[in-house]
């Protein structure tokens, strides 16, 4: 396997988890030999947007907040976020992410199979 270089600006955005959020898939299983890695994405959420309720069956997710403020929701409540915050979502846990602010929010997500 050789080094893979991908220009972020050339990667198309796609819809993510219902709601109004989008993502760019920076790395997927076809880019690595690891059997545990699922994907690394750059998430974009417009002002007033959200990633609707969802879970990741058999997959843990790490979220790093790069830009903006908002809320992470799960069955136990809601948790404010700001740049630099890191959230770890256990596999199979229902959650949503909302942006009640008037600016776009950005995140990096990494998913690993359990």
Protein backbone atom coordinates (compact mmCIF):
# COMPACT_ATOMS: atom_id res chain seq x y z
CA UNK A 1 0.00 0.00 0.00
CA UNK A 2 1.28 3.47 -0.86
CA UNK A 3 0.66 6.83 0.77
CA UNK A 4 -2.71 8.22 -0.27
CA UNK A 5 -3.13 11.96 -0.67
CA UNK A 6 -6.62 13.42 -1.03
CA UNK A 7 -7.27 17.16 -1.35
CA UNK A 8 -10.11 18.09 1.01
CA UNK A 9 -11.34 20.75 -1.41
CA UNK A 10 -11.88 18.09 -4.09
CA UNK A 11 -13.98 15.80 -1.85
CA UNK A 12 -17.71 16.34 -2.39
CA UNK A 13 -20.07 16.96 0.52
CA UNK A 14 -22.85 14.43 1.11
CA UNK A 15 -25.91 14.32 3.36
CA UNK A 16 -25.37 12.92 6.87
CA UNK A 17 -27.84 11.44 9.38
CA UNK A 18 -30.97 13.14 8.20
CA UNK A 19 -31.57 16.65 9.40
CA UNK A 20 -29.61 19.33 7.58
CA UNK A 21 -25.98 18.38 8.20
CA UNK A 22 -23.44 17.34 5.59
CA UNK A 23 -20.03 15.66 5.61
CA UNK A 24 -16.93 14.99 3.57
CA UNK A 25 -15.57 11.45 3.90
CA UNK A 26 -11.82 11.91 4.29
CA UNK A 27 -10.97 8.25 4.86
CA UNK A 28 -12.99 5.05 4.46
CA UNK A 29 -12.21 1.31 4.70
CA UNK A 30 -10.91 1.21 1.12
CA UNK A 31 -8.13 3.61 2.16
CA UNK A 32 -6.75 1.44 5.02
CA UNK A 33 -5.97 -2.17 5.84
CA UNK A 34 -7.47 -1.93 9.35
CA UNK A 35 -10.58 -4.03 9.88
CA UNK A 36 -11.66 -1.90 12.87
CA UNK A 37 -11.63 1.49 11.16
CA UNK A 38 -14.94 2.60 9.63
CA UNK A 39 -14.41 6.21 8.56
CA UNK A 40 -13.11 9.70 9.24
CA UNK A 41 -15.32 12.58 8.19
CA UNK A 42 -15.45 16.36 8.30
CA UNK A 43 -18.95 17.40 9.34
CA UNK A 44 -20.66 20.66 8.45
CA UNK A 45 -23.84 21.85 10.14
CA UNK A 46 -25.56 25.04 9.00
CA UNK A 47 -26.94 27.62 11.43
CA UNK A 48 -30.11 26.20 12.97
CA UNK A 49 -29.28 22.73 11.61
CA UNK A 50 -28.88 19.28 13.12
CA UNK A 51 -27.81 15.69 12.67
CA UNK A 52 -31.09 14.02 13.62
CA UNK A 53 -31.48 11.13 16.10
CA UNK A 54 -29.36 8.15 15.06
CA UNK A 55 -27.02 5.50 16.40
CA UNK A 56 -24.08 3.55 15.04
CA UNK A 57 -24.69 -0.20 15.47
CA UNK A 58 -21.45 -1.90 16.50
CA UNK A 59 -19.44 1.31 15.97
CA UNK A 60 -17.93 3.78 18.44
CA UNK A 61 -17.66 7.41 17.30
CA UNK A 62 -15.35 10.22 18.39
CA UNK A 63 -16.38 13.81 17.63
CA UNK A 64 -13.99 16.78 17.82
CA UNK A 65 -15.62 20.21 17.63
CA UNK A 66 -13.63 22.42 15.28
CA UNK A 67 -15.91 25.44 14.92
CA UNK A 68 -19.14 26.71 16.52
CA UNK A 69 -21.31 26.06 19.53
CA UNK A 70 -24.36 23.89 20.02
CA UNK A 71 -25.76 20.84 21.80
CA UNK A 72 -25.26 17.09 21.85
CA UNK A 73 -28.39 15.20 22.93
CA UNK A 74 -28.79 11.66 24.23
CA UNK A 75 -31.43 9.85 26.28
CA UNK A 76 -30.02 11.34 29.49
CA UNK A 77 -29.97 15.00 28.48
CA UNK A 78 -28.11 17.57 26.46
CA UNK A 79 -24.52 18.73 26.61
CA UNK A 80 -23.25 22.06 25.26
CA UNK A 81 -20.22 22.04 22.97
CA UNK A 82 -17.64 24.57 21.81
CA UNK A 83 -14.43 24.40 19.77
CA UNK A 84 -11.91 21.97 21.24
CA UNK A 85 -14.50 19.75 22.94
CA UNK A 86 -14.30 16.01 22.32
CA UNK A 87 -17.24 13.63 22.64
CA UNK A 88 -17.08 9.83 22.60
CA UNK A 89 -20.29 8.07 21.58
CA UNK A 90 -20.48 4.40 22.60
CA UNK A 91 -21.79 1.95 20.01
CA UNK A 92 -25.58 1.66 19.71
CA UNK A 93 -26.35 4.87 21.68
CA UNK A 94 -29.05 7.13 20.20
CA UNK A 95 -27.86 10.73 19.90
CA UNK A 96 -28.35 13.89 17.89
CA UNK A 97 -26.32 17.06 17.44
CA UNK A 98 -27.97 20.46 17.05
CA UNK A 99 -26.73 23.90 16.13
CA UNK A 100 -29.10 26.57 17.49
CA UNK A 101 -26.57 29.31 16.67
CA UNK A 102 -26.48 31.61 13.67
CA UNK A 103 -23.15 30.29 12.32
CA UNK A 104 -22.06 27.06 10.60
CA UNK A 105 -20.48 24.45 12.91
CA UNK A 106 -17.70 22.05 11.88
CA UNK A 107 -16.57 18.73 13.36
CA UNK A 108 -14.15 15.90 12.75
CA UNK A 109 -15.63 12.42 13.30
CA UNK A 110 -13.76 9.12 13.57
CA UNK A 111 -15.64 5.80 13.68
CA UNK A 112 -14.22 2.50 14.87
CA UNK A 113 -15.94 -0.91 14.81
CA UNK A 114 -16.17 -2.73 18.15
